Amino acid sequence: MSAKILCIDTSLEVCSVAIGDFSVEERGQNIHSSRLNLVIEELMNKAGMTLHDIDAICIDKGPGSYTGLRIGVSTAKGLCYALDKPLLSTNTLQTMAYYYQSIYKTEAVTLLCPMIDARRMEVYDALFDANMNFLEETKAVVIDESFLAEHLAENKIIFFGNGAEKCKQLLSNNQNAIFTDTDIYPSSKAMIPLAEKKFENKEFEDVYSFEPFYLKDFYIAPGK
């Protein structure tokens, strides 16, 4: 019997929670602080469970929105403390890759590049093979004509996420660069297989010291 793991993602504009076969998602700017606890309550009612029934909590740790990550991690840690449950975490970009793969089942020779907008021509990205192994670790990168050139010379790469548009024009003449119109975002539903595997392997986080994976320092605009 699979562990009952509450999965939470607040890394972008979707407030997403899931457990087992049940999920609740709401989309909107700056909704996490006001809606996260309510969508968790809605999820528990939908699943016919209480928070005391769960075995662990998993949070998508980032990268992503500074504020969204901070709210999600704070909520997950608070629940772990209150319920005495272990904390798990997943990488936001890997969650996006799992979400894409769950829809399309890509060929073994095709690579996946989830991308999150990080202002100007910069994105957060990572590169995965069809088995969800990291080929390029999570990083912040400025998009130019040489972006992933070595991999694109030998493989088809599917680009998706809210940062993919930034490299679409630059790579439009490369037949190995594929862009999808499907809205692929870090959904809590895609976290479930990752969370279950980490739970089985006891890859728990230290609730006291755990922090979001911001990747970059928080930016404050001049005059703010």
Protein backbone atom coordinates (compact mmCIF):
# COMPACT_ATOMS: atom_id res chain seq x y z
CA MET A 1 0.00 0.00 0.00
CA SER A 2 1.41 3.37 -1.05
CA ALA A 3 2.20 5.96 1.57
CA LYS A 4 -0.32 8.77 1.94
CA ILE A 5 1.79 11.81 1.08
CA LEU A 6 0.38 15.33 0.93
CA CYS A 7 2.11 17.01 -2.03
CA ILE A 8 2.20 20.81 -2.21
CA ASP A 9 3.38 23.11 -4.99
CA THR A 10 3.31 26.90 -4.77
CA SER A 11 6.38 27.61 -6.90
CA LEU A 12 4.54 29.54 -9.63
CA GLU A 13 1.03 30.96 -10.05
CA VAL A 14 -0.80 27.65 -9.51
CA CYS A 15 -1.67 26.69 -5.95
CA SER A 16 -1.57 22.91 -6.29
CA VAL A 17 -2.09 20.13 -3.73
CA ALA A 18 -2.55 16.39 -4.19
CA ILE A 19 -2.74 13.13 -2.29
CA GLY A 20 -3.26 9.72 -3.88
CA ASP A 21 -5.81 10.02 -6.70
CA PHE A 22 -7.12 13.37 -5.51
CA SER A 23 -5.95 16.89 -6.32
CA VAL A 24 -7.06 20.52 -6.06
CA GLU A 25 -5.54 23.36 -8.06
CA GLU A 26 -6.25 27.07 -8.24
CA ARG A 27 -4.50 29.54 -10.53
CA GLY A 28 -3.96 33.23 -9.83
CA GLN A 29 -1.39 35.84 -8.97
CA ASN A 30 -0.49 36.14 -5.26
CA ILE A 31 -3.12 33.68 -4.07
CA HIS A 32 -0.94 31.30 -2.07
CA SER A 33 -1.05 33.14 1.25
CA SER A 34 -4.84 33.38 1.23
CA ARG A 35 -5.76 30.09 -0.48
CA LEU A 36 -3.19 27.39 0.36
CA ASN A 37 -4.64 26.27 3.69
CA LEU A 38 -8.14 26.34 2.18
CA VAL A 39 -7.22 24.18 -0.82
CA ILE A 40 -5.50 21.71 1.53
CA GLU A 41 -8.72 21.53 3.55
CA GLU A 42 -10.73 21.05 0.35
CA LEU A 43 -8.35 18.26 -0.72
CA MET A 44 -8.68 16.43 2.59
CA ASN A 45 -12.47 16.60 2.37
CA LYS A 46 -12.35 15.38 -1.23
CA ALA A 47 -10.13 12.44 -0.25
CA GLY A 48 -12.21 11.62 2.85
CA MET A 49 -9.19 12.05 5.10
CA THR A 50 -7.86 14.26 7.85
CA LEU A 51 -4.35 15.63 8.10
CA HIS A 52 -3.66 13.14 10.89
CA ASP A 53 -4.14 10.32 8.36
CA ILE A 54 -1.21 11.30 6.17
CA ASP A 55 2.22 9.68 6.37
CA ALA A 56 4.36 12.59 5.13
CA ILE A 57 4.32 15.98 3.46
CA CYS A 58 6.22 16.78 0.26
CA ILE A 59 6.94 20.30 -0.97
CA ASP A 60 8.23 21.40 -4.37
CA LYS A 61 11.30 23.26 -3.12
CA GLY A 62 12.10 25.37 -6.20
CA PRO A 63 13.32 27.10 -8.17
CA GLY A 64 10.41 29.44 -8.75
CA SER A 65 8.72 32.49 -7.29
CA TYR A 66 10.46 33.68 -4.13
CA THR A 67 7.20 34.50 -2.35
CA GLY A 68 5.40 31.36 -3.52
CA LEU A 69 8.24 29.09 -2.43
CA ARG A 70 8.50 30.80 0.96
CA ILE A 71 4.76 30.39 1.63
CA GLY A 72 4.71 26.75 0.52
CA VAL A 73 7.76 25.73 2.50
CA SER A 74 6.58 27.59 5.63
CA THR A 75 3.19 25.86 5.42
CA ALA A 76 4.72 22.41 4.86
CA LYS A 77 7.15 22.82 7.74
CA GLY A 78 4.41 24.10 10.03
CA LEU A 79 2.25 21.07 9.27
CA CYS A 80 5.18 18.71 9.82
CA TYR A 81 5.85 20.26 13.23
CA ALA A 82 2.19 20.21 14.25
CA LEU A 83 1.46 16.69 13.01
CA ASP A 84 4.89 15.15 13.74
CA LYS A 85 5.22 13.98 10.13
CA PRO A 86 8.37 13.73 7.99
CA LEU A 87 9.15 16.29 5.29
CA LEU A 88 10.10 15.42 1.70
CA SER A 89 11.03 17.75 -1.14
CA THR A 90 11.13 17.63 -4.93
CA ASN A 91 12.78 19.80 -7.57
CA THR A 92 10.27 22.03 -9.38
CA LEU A 93 11.82 21.48 -12.81
CA GLN A 94 11.85 17.72 -12.34
CA THR A 95 8.18 17.88 -11.38
CA MET A 96 7.49 19.72 -14.66
CA ALA A 97 9.40 17.03 -16.59
CA TYR A 98 7.35 14.29 -14.90
CA TYR A 99 4.17 16.18 -15.73
CA TYR A 100 5.13 16.41 -19.41
CA GLN A 101 6.16 12.76 -19.53
CA SER A 102 2.88 11.66 -17.93
CA ILE A 103 1.01 13.26 -20.85
CA TYR A 104 3.21 12.47 -23.86
CA LYS A 105 5.50 9.51 -23.04
CA THR A 106 8.47 10.80 -25.03
CA GLU A 107 10.80 8.57 -27.04
CA ALA A 108 14.08 7.40 -25.50
CA VAL A 109 16.13 9.60 -27.85
CA THR A 110 14.24 12.77 -26.91
CA LEU A 111 15.38 15.06 -24.10
CA LEU A 112 13.19 17.28 -21.94
CA CYS A 113 14.02 20.87 -20.97
CA PRO A 114 11.55 22.46 -18.53
CA MET A 115 12.05 26.22 -18.20
CA ILE A 116 10.87 28.81 -15.68
CA ASP A 117 10.94 32.52 -16.49
CA ALA A 118 13.54 34.31 -14.35
CA ARG A 119 13.30 37.89 -15.76
CA ARG A 120 14.80 39.45 -18.88
CA MET A 121 16.44 36.76 -21.06
CA GLU A 122 17.22 34.54 -18.07
CA VAL A 123 15.53 31.27 -17.22
CA TYR A 124 15.80 28.49 -14.68
CA ASP A 125 16.27 25.24 -16.54
CA ALA A 126 17.45 21.65 -16.33
CA LEU A 127 17.79 18.86 -18.89
CA PHE A 128 16.42 15.33 -18.51
CA ASP A 129 16.50 12.16 -20.54
CA ALA A 130 13.31 10.17 -21.15
CA ASN A 131 13.92 8.22 -17.91
CA MET A 132 13.92 11.45 -15.87
CA ASN A 133 17.66 11.40 -15.17
CA PHE A 134 19.36 14.78 -14.91
CA LEU A 135 21.67 15.47 -17.87
CA GLU A 136 22.10 19.14 -16.95
CA GLU A 137 21.55 20.20 -13.34
CA THR A 138 19.22 23.01 -12.33
CA LYS A 139 20.70 26.41 -13.10
CA ALA A 140 19.92 30.01 -13.98
CA VAL A 141 21.07 30.79 -17.52
CA VAL A 142 20.87 33.65 -20.01
CA ILE A 143 19.43 32.44 -23.31
CA ASP A 144 21.56 33.00 -26.43
CA GLU A 145 22.26 31.23 -29.74
CA SER A 146 24.66 28.77 -28.09
CA PHE A 147 22.10 27.54 -25.54
CA LEU A 148 22.32 23.72 -25.30
CA ALA A 149 24.06 23.68 -28.68
CA GLU A 150 26.04 20.50 -27.94
CA HIS A 151 22.93 18.55 -26.94
CA LEU A 152 20.85 19.97 -29.81
CA ALA A 153 23.46 18.80 -32.32
CA GLU A 154 22.73 15.18 -31.42
CA ASN A 155 19.24 15.06 -29.85
CA LYS A 156 15.74 16.36 -30.19
CA ILE A 157 14.91 18.53 -27.16
CA ILE A 158 11.40 19.46 -26.11
CA PHE A 159 11.18 22.87 -24.45
CA PHE A 160 8.23 23.74 -22.22
CA GLY A 161 7.20 25.86 -19.26
CA ASN A 162 6.66 29.60 -18.92
CA GLY A 163 10.30 30.35 -19.80
CA ALA A 164 10.37 28.42 -23.09
CA GLU A 165 9.09 31.32 -25.18
CA LYS A 166 12.34 33.18 -24.51
CA CYS A 167 14.39 30.74 -26.60
CA LYS A 168 11.76 29.88 -29.22
CA GLN A 169 12.80 32.59 -31.67
CA LEU A 170 16.52 32.01 -31.17
CA LEU A 171 16.18 28.27 -31.85
CA SER A 172 13.37 28.38 -34.40
CA ASN A 173 15.70 27.29 -37.25
CA ASN A 174 16.99 24.25 -35.38
CA GLN A 175 14.93 21.21 -36.36
CA ASN A 176 15.92 19.44 -33.13
CA ALA A 177 14.33 22.16 -30.97
CA ILE A 178 10.67 21.34 -30.33
CA PHE A 179 8.24 23.64 -28.53
CA THR A 180 4.87 22.62 -27.16
CA ASP A 181 1.79 24.79 -26.72
CA THR A 182 0.60 22.61 -23.84
CA ASP A 183 0.51 24.45 -20.52
CA ILE A 184 3.11 22.50 -18.53
CA TYR A 185 3.57 23.75 -14.99
CA PRO A 186 4.78 22.21 -11.71
CA SER A 187 1.68 20.27 -10.68
CA SER A 188 1.43 18.49 -7.34
CA LYS A 189 -0.03 15.46 -9.16
CA ALA A 190 3.32 14.92 -10.88
CA MET A 191 5.10 15.08 -7.51
CA ILE A 192 3.44 11.89 -6.25
CA PRO A 193 5.75 9.26 -7.86
CA LEU A 194 8.82 11.28 -6.87
CA ALA A 195 7.54 11.69 -3.31
CA GLU A 196 6.68 7.99 -2.96
CA LYS A 197 10.15 6.96 -4.10
CA LYS A 198 11.79 9.35 -1.63
CA PHE A 199 9.53 8.11 1.16
CA GLU A 200 10.48 4.49 0.42
CA ASN A 201 14.17 5.44 0.51
CA LYS A 202 13.67 7.52 3.68
CA GLU A 203 15.08 10.63 1.97
CA PHE A 204 13.61 12.97 4.55
CA GLU A 205 14.52 16.62 5.01
CA ASP A 206 15.53 18.21 8.29
CA VAL A 207 12.37 20.16 9.12
CA TYR A 208 14.25 22.65 11.27
CA SER A 209 16.92 23.66 8.74
CA PHE A 210 15.14 23.11 5.41
CA GLU A 211 14.94 26.15 3.12
CA PRO A 212 13.50 26.71 -0.36
CA PHE A 213 15.81 26.31 -3.35
CA TYR A 214 15.72 29.93 -4.48
CA LEU A 215 18.72 29.50 -6.83
CA LYS A 216 19.16 33.28 -6.98
CA ASP A 217 19.01 36.04 -4.40
CA PHE A 218 15.68 37.80 -4.00
CA TYR A 219 15.55 40.88 -6.26
CA ILE A 220 14.11 44.16 -4.99
CA ALA A 221 13.52 46.80 -7.63
CA PRO A 222 15.11 50.23 -7.04
CA GLY A 223 12.88 52.56 -5.10
CA LYS A 224 10.84 49.75 -3.55
